[in-house]
C-alpha atoms as a PDB file:
ATOM      1  CA  MET A   1      17.608  30.951 -32.579  1.00  0.00           C
ATOM      2  CA  LYS A   2      17.328  28.630 -35.599  1.00  0.00           C
ATOM      3  CA  GLN A   3      19.651  26.127 -33.922  1.00  0.00           C
ATOM      4  CA  GLY A   4      17.450  26.040 -30.780  1.00  0.00           C
ATOM      5  CA  LEU A   5      14.328  25.574 -32.885  1.00  0.00           C
ATOM      6  CA  GLY A   6      15.999  22.726 -34.775  1.00  0.00           C
ATOM      7  CA  LEU A   7      16.916  20.968 -31.521  1.00  0.00           C
ATOM      8  CA  ALA A   8      13.368  21.337 -30.264  1.00  0.00           C
ATOM      9  CA  VAL A   9      11.988  19.724 -33.444  1.00  0.00           C
ATOM     10  CA  VAL A  10      14.445  16.803 -33.108  1.00  0.00           C
ATOM     11  CA  ALA A  11      13.502  16.335 -29.435  1.00  0.00           C
ATOM     12  CA  VAL A  12       9.793  16.225 -30.265  1.00  0.00           C
ATOM     13  CA  ALA A  13      10.414  13.758 -33.086  1.00  0.00           C
ATOM     14  CA  LEU A  14      12.468  11.465 -30.863  1.00  0.00           C
ATOM     15  CA  ALA A  15       9.881  11.592 -28.101  1.00  0.00           C
ATOM     16  CA  GLY A  16       7.532   9.614 -30.325  1.00  0.00           C
ATOM     17  CA  CYS A  17      10.088   6.780 -30.451  1.00  0.00           C
ATOM     18  CA  ILE A  18       9.521   5.600 -26.870  1.00  0.00           C
ATOM     19  CA  PRO A  19       7.837   2.205 -27.044  1.00  0.00           C
ATOM     20  CA  ALA A  20       4.333   2.129 -25.571  1.00  0.00           C
ATOM     21  CA  SER A  21       5.344  -0.704 -23.226  1.00  0.00           C
ATOM     22  CA  ARG A  22       7.805   1.639 -21.503  1.00  0.00           C
ATOM     23  CA  ALA A  23       5.370   4.511 -21.120  1.00  0.00           C
ATOM     24  CA  PRO A  24       4.405   5.182 -17.481  1.00  0.00           C
ATOM     25  CA  GLN A  25       1.128   3.635 -16.333  1.00  0.00           C
ATOM     26  CA  GLY A  26      -0.596   5.877 -13.765  1.00  0.00           C
ATOM     27  CA  PRO A  27       1.251   8.117 -11.342  1.00  0.00           C
ATOM     28  CA  MET A  28       4.917   7.134 -11.074  1.00  0.00           C
ATOM     29  CA  PRO A  29       6.114   6.686  -7.480  1.00  0.00           C
ATOM     30  CA  ILE A  30       8.965   8.979  -6.556  1.00  0.00           C
ATOM     31  CA  GLU A  31      11.490   9.094  -3.757  1.00  0.00           C
ATOM     32  CA  GLY A  32       9.640  10.097  -0.636  1.00  0.00           C
ATOM     33  CA  ASP A  33       6.408   8.264  -1.517  1.00  0.00           C
ATOM     34  CA  SER A  34       5.376   5.549   0.928  1.00  0.00           C
ATOM     35  CA  ILE A  35       2.665   3.041   1.726  1.00  0.00           C
ATOM     36  CA  THR A  36       1.970   2.183   5.360  1.00  0.00           C
ATOM     37  CA  TYR A  37       0.037  -1.000   6.176  1.00  0.00           C
ATOM     38  CA  GLU A  38      -1.022  -1.294   9.810  1.00  0.00           C
ATOM     39  CA  THR A  39      -3.014  -3.954  11.632  1.00  0.00           C
ATOM     40  CA  GLY A  40      -5.199  -3.349  14.662  1.00  0.00           C
ATOM     41  CA  PRO A  41      -5.834  -5.632  17.644  1.00  0.00           C
ATOM     42  CA  CYS A  42      -8.542  -8.250  17.968  1.00  0.00           C
ATOM     43  CA  PHE A  43     -10.089 -10.091  20.914  1.00  0.00           C
ATOM     44  CA  GLY A  44      -7.429 -12.822  20.686  1.00  0.00           C
ATOM     45  CA  ARG A  45      -3.762 -13.093  19.787  1.00  0.00           C
ATOM     46  CA  CYS A  46      -3.803 -11.364  16.400  1.00  0.00           C
ATOM     47  CA  PRO A  47      -0.447  -9.920  15.312  1.00  0.00           C
ATOM     48  CA  VAL A  48      -0.401  -6.115  15.610  1.00  0.00           C
ATOM     49  CA  TYR A  49       2.222  -4.369  13.510  1.00  0.00           C
ATOM     50  CA  ALA A  50       2.926  -1.571  11.036  1.00  0.00           C
ATOM     51  CA  VAL A  51       4.895  -1.869   7.799  1.00  0.00           C
ATOM     52  CA  THR A  52       6.022   1.087   5.691  1.00  0.00           C
ATOM     53  CA  VAL A  53       7.512   0.569   2.227  1.00  0.00           C
ATOM     54  CA  ARG A  54       8.963   2.962  -0.330  1.00  0.00           C
ATOM     55  CA  PRO A  55       9.662   2.592  -4.068  1.00  0.00           C
ATOM     56  CA  ASP A  56      13.407   3.031  -3.417  1.00  0.00           C
ATOM     57  CA  GLY A  57      13.443  -0.426  -1.782  1.00  0.00           C
ATOM     58  CA  THR A  58      13.508   0.603   1.873  1.00  0.00           C
ATOM     59  CA  GLY A  59      11.026  -0.625   4.428  1.00  0.00           C
ATOM     60  CA  THR A  60      10.331  -0.463   8.140  1.00  0.00           C
ATOM     61  CA  PHE A  61       8.549  -3.060  10.250  1.00  0.00           C
ATOM     62  CA  GLU A  62       7.286  -2.234  13.740  1.00  0.00           C
ATOM     63  CA  GLY A  63       6.091  -5.241  15.730  1.00  0.00           C
ATOM     64  CA  ARG A  64       3.707  -4.189  18.493  1.00  0.00           C
ATOM     65  CA  ARG A  65       1.925  -7.270  19.880  1.00  0.00           C
ATOM     66  CA  PHE A  66       1.910 -10.987  19.138  1.00  0.00           C
ATOM     67  CA  THR A  67       4.594 -10.756  16.434  1.00  0.00           C
ATOM     68  CA  ALA A  68       7.805 -12.780  16.112  1.00  0.00           C
ATOM     69  CA  VAL A  69       9.792  -9.548  16.446  1.00  0.00           C
ATOM     70  CA  THR A  70       8.808  -6.548  18.563  1.00  0.00           C
ATOM     71  CA  GLY A  71      10.117  -3.065  18.031  1.00  0.00           C
ATOM     72  CA  GLU A  72      11.300  -1.454  14.814  1.00  0.00           C
ATOM     73  CA  ARG A  73      13.330  -3.236  12.136  1.00  0.00           C
ATOM     74  CA  SER A  74      14.489  -2.023   8.729  1.00  0.00           C
ATOM     75  CA  PHE A  75      14.337  -4.277   5.685  1.00  0.00           C
ATOM     76  CA  THR A  76      14.818  -4.052   1.945  1.00  0.00           C
ATOM     77  CA  LEU A  77      12.527  -5.103  -0.855  1.00  0.00           C
ATOM     78  CA  SER A  78      12.870  -5.226  -4.617  1.00  0.00           C
ATOM     79  CA  ARG A  79      11.137  -2.791  -6.932  1.00  0.00           C
ATOM     80  CA  ALA A  80       9.061  -5.732  -8.194  1.00  0.00           C
ATOM     81  CA  GLN A  81       7.884  -6.478  -4.643  1.00  0.00           C
ATOM     82  CA  TYR A  82       6.990  -2.815  -4.075  1.00  0.00           C
ATOM     83  CA  ASP A  83       5.149  -2.630  -7.402  1.00  0.00           C
ATOM     84  CA  ALA A  84       3.185  -5.853  -6.713  1.00  0.00           C
ATOM     85  CA  PHE A  85       2.199  -4.624  -3.239  1.00  0.00           C
ATOM     86  CA  ALA A  86       1.173  -1.193  -4.566  1.00  0.00           C
ATOM     87  CA  ALA A  87      -0.783  -2.769  -7.446  1.00  0.00           C
ATOM     88  CA  ARG A  88      -2.643  -5.134  -5.086  1.00  0.00           C
ATOM     89  CA  LEU A  89      -3.822  -2.154  -3.009  1.00  0.00           C
ATOM     90  CA  ALA A  90      -4.319   0.364  -5.849  1.00  0.00           C
ATOM     91  CA  PRO A  91      -7.964  -0.492  -6.689  1.00  0.00           C
ATOM     92  CA  TYR A  92      -8.966   0.459  -3.127  1.00  0.00           C
ATOM     93  CA  ARG A  93      -6.976   3.700  -2.896  1.00  0.00           C
ATOM     94  CA  PRO A  94      -9.383   6.620  -2.593  1.00  0.00           C
ATOM     95  CA  ALA A  95      -8.896   9.597  -4.899  1.00  0.00           C
ATOM     96  CA  SER A  96      -8.696  11.797  -1.824  1.00  0.00           C
ATOM     97  CA  GLY A  97      -9.257  11.614   1.916  1.00  0.00           C
ATOM     98  CA  GLU A  98     -10.124   8.352   3.645  1.00  0.00           C
ATOM     99  CA  VAL A  99     -12.580   5.535   3.045  1.00  0.00           C
ATOM    100  CA  ARG A 100     -13.809   3.588   6.076  1.00  0.00           C
ATOM    101  CA  TYR A 101     -15.327   0.123   6.318  1.00  0.00           C
ATOM    102  CA  ALA A 102     -16.364  -0.075   9.958  1.00  0.00           C
ATOM    103  CA  HIS A 103     -19.269  -1.405  12.013  1.00  0.00           C
ATOM    104  CA  GLY A 104     -22.257   0.899  11.602  1.00  0.00           C
ATOM    105  CA  GLU A 105     -21.023   2.491   8.354  1.00  0.00           C
ATOM    106  CA  PRO A 106     -23.273   2.149   5.278  1.00  0.00           C
ATOM    107  CA  ASN A 107     -20.831  -0.367   3.737  1.00  0.00           C
ATOM    108  CA  CYS A 108     -20.784  -2.495   6.947  1.00  0.00           C
ATOM    109  CA  VAL A 109     -24.165  -2.660   8.618  1.00  0.00           C
ATOM    110  CA  SER A 110     -23.678  -5.741  10.799  1.00  0.00           C
ATOM    111  CA  ALA A 111     -20.345  -7.211  11.844  1.00  0.00           C
ATOM    112  CA  PRO A 112     -18.800  -9.253  14.667  1.00  0.00           C
ATOM    113  CA  THR A 113     -17.012  -7.100  17.225  1.00  0.00           C
ATOM    114  CA  ASP A 114     -13.850  -9.109  17.938  1.00  0.00           C
ATOM    115  CA  MET A 115     -12.004  -8.857  14.608  1.00  0.00           C
ATOM    116  CA  PRO A 116      -8.791  -6.961  13.742  1.00  0.00           C
ATOM    117  CA  SER A 117      -8.591  -4.074  11.297  1.00  0.00           C
ATOM    118  CA  ILE A 118      -6.216  -2.996   8.552  1.00  0.00           C
ATOM    119  CA  ASP A 119      -5.315   0.620   7.903  1.00  0.00           C
ATOM    120  CA  VAL A 120      -3.498   1.608   4.722  1.00  0.00           C
ATOM    121  CA  ARG A 121      -2.050   5.080   4.217  1.00  0.00           C
ATOM    122  CA  TRP A 122      -0.606   6.201   0.891  1.00  0.00           C
ATOM    123  CA  THR A 123       1.638   9.246   1.332  1.00  0.00           C
ATOM    124  CA  ARG A 124       3.158  11.094  -1.587  1.00  0.00           C
ATOM    125  CA  ALA A 125       6.303  13.204  -1.485  1.00  0.00           C
ATOM    126  CA  ILE A 126       4.288  16.225  -2.615  1.00  0.00           C
ATOM    127  CA  GLY A 127       2.447  16.142   0.706  1.00  0.00           C
ATOM    128  CA  ASP A 128      -0.969  14.631   0.061  1.00  0.00           C
ATOM    129  CA  SER A 129      -2.164  11.303   1.405  1.00  0.00           C
ATOM    130  CA  GLN A 130      -5.093   8.935   1.165  1.00  0.00           C
ATOM    131  CA  GLY A 131      -6.289   6.344   3.660  1.00  0.00           C
ATOM    132  CA  LEU A 132      -8.344   3.193   3.870  1.00  0.00           C
ATOM    133  CA  HIS A 133      -9.634   1.696   7.117  1.00  0.00           C
ATOM    134  CA  PHE A 134     -11.042  -1.813   6.853  1.00  0.00           C
ATOM    135  CA  TYR A 135     -12.458  -3.658   9.862  1.00  0.00           C
ATOM    136  CA  LEU A 136     -12.189  -7.356   8.967  1.00  0.00           C
ATOM    137  CA  GLY A 137     -15.607  -8.004  10.468  1.00  0.00           C
ATOM    138  CA  CYS A 138     -16.965  -6.107   7.451  1.00  0.00           C
ATOM    139  CA  ARG A 139     -15.876  -8.895   5.099  1.00  0.00           C
ATOM    140  CA  ARG A 140     -19.466  -9.893   4.242  1.00  0.00           C
ATOM    141  CA  GLY A 141     -20.371  -8.017   1.079  1.00  0.00           C
ATOM    142  CA  ASN A 142     -16.809  -6.679   0.815  1.00  0.00           C
ATOM    143  CA  GLU A 143     -14.962  -9.921   0.095  1.00  0.00           C
ATOM    144  CA  ALA A 144     -12.744  -8.478  -2.665  1.00  0.00           C
ATOM    145  CA  VAL A 145     -11.440  -5.700  -0.406  1.00  0.00           C
ATOM    146  CA  ALA A 146     -10.835  -8.125   2.469  1.00  0.00           C
ATOM    147  CA  GLU A 147      -8.963 -10.571   0.248  1.00  0.00           C
ATOM    148  CA  ALA A 148      -6.818  -7.889  -1.394  1.00  0.00           C
ATOM    149  CA  LEU A 149      -5.852  -6.329   1.920  1.00  0.00           C
ATOM    150  CA  GLY A 150      -5.318  -9.627   3.697  1.00  0.00           C
ATOM    151  CA  GLY A 151      -3.130 -11.032   0.918  1.00  0.00           C
ATOM    152  CA  ALA A 152      -1.135  -7.879   0.206  1.00  0.00           C
ATOM    153  CA  ILE A 153       1.234  -8.277   3.152  1.00  0.00           C
ATOM    154  CA  GLU A 154       2.290 -11.691   1.832  1.00  0.00           C
ATOM    155  CA  LEU A 155       3.899  -9.899  -1.132  1.00  0.00           C
ATOM    156  CA  LEU A 156       6.469  -8.295   1.173  1.00  0.00           C
ATOM    157  CA  PRO A 157       9.510  -9.953   2.806  1.00  0.00           C
ATOM    158  CA  VAL A 158       8.198  -9.564   6.365  1.00  0.00           C
ATOM    159  CA  GLN A 159       6.635 -12.948   7.171  1.00  0.00           C
ATOM    160  CA  GLY A 160       9.533 -13.893   9.451  1.00  0.00           C
ATOM    161  CA  LEU A 161       9.029 -10.654  11.412  1.00  0.00           C
ATOM    162  CA  ILE A 162       5.285 -11.190  11.756  1.00  0.00           C
ATOM    163  CA  GLY A 163       5.505 -14.874  12.661  1.00  0.00           C
ATOM    164  CA  GLU A 164       2.919 -17.605  12.469  1.00  0.00           C
ATOM    165  CA  ARG A 165      -0.700 -16.584  12.102  1.00  0.00           C
ATOM    166  CA  PRO A 166      -3.045 -17.899  14.794  1.00  0.00           C
END
């Protein structure tokens, strides 16, 4: 009994020795977590695809229309690439459920009707998920969201699969 108590005291004392720079910041991604980034069609030749990435470095690209590659392809990414992508999207991740920026919604009163959309789905291994739907015609008044979402995909090694932007 005394030996167990002594070990517990040592463990608590050592726990205080972890440098603050190594302490976790926010929820730590675990195996089974994923982020899916999906584009919707527009009136023209906008690339339509879905990309799913995981913190273990695995990813899947599915080219649907107007992409350099059609069908499903696997790819790998570094932990730094995953973390940068996740961090770029994090400010717009809802605490629960889904947030929508779409024509007619309070956050998008008037918008052109021929633009693509971006859907992001965060799925955690424990079973919950959050979503964000952003119609790019809702850019006016929501520039920060549009820029973060539009630039996020450039942080992943999928540009060759997507192809040239129109």
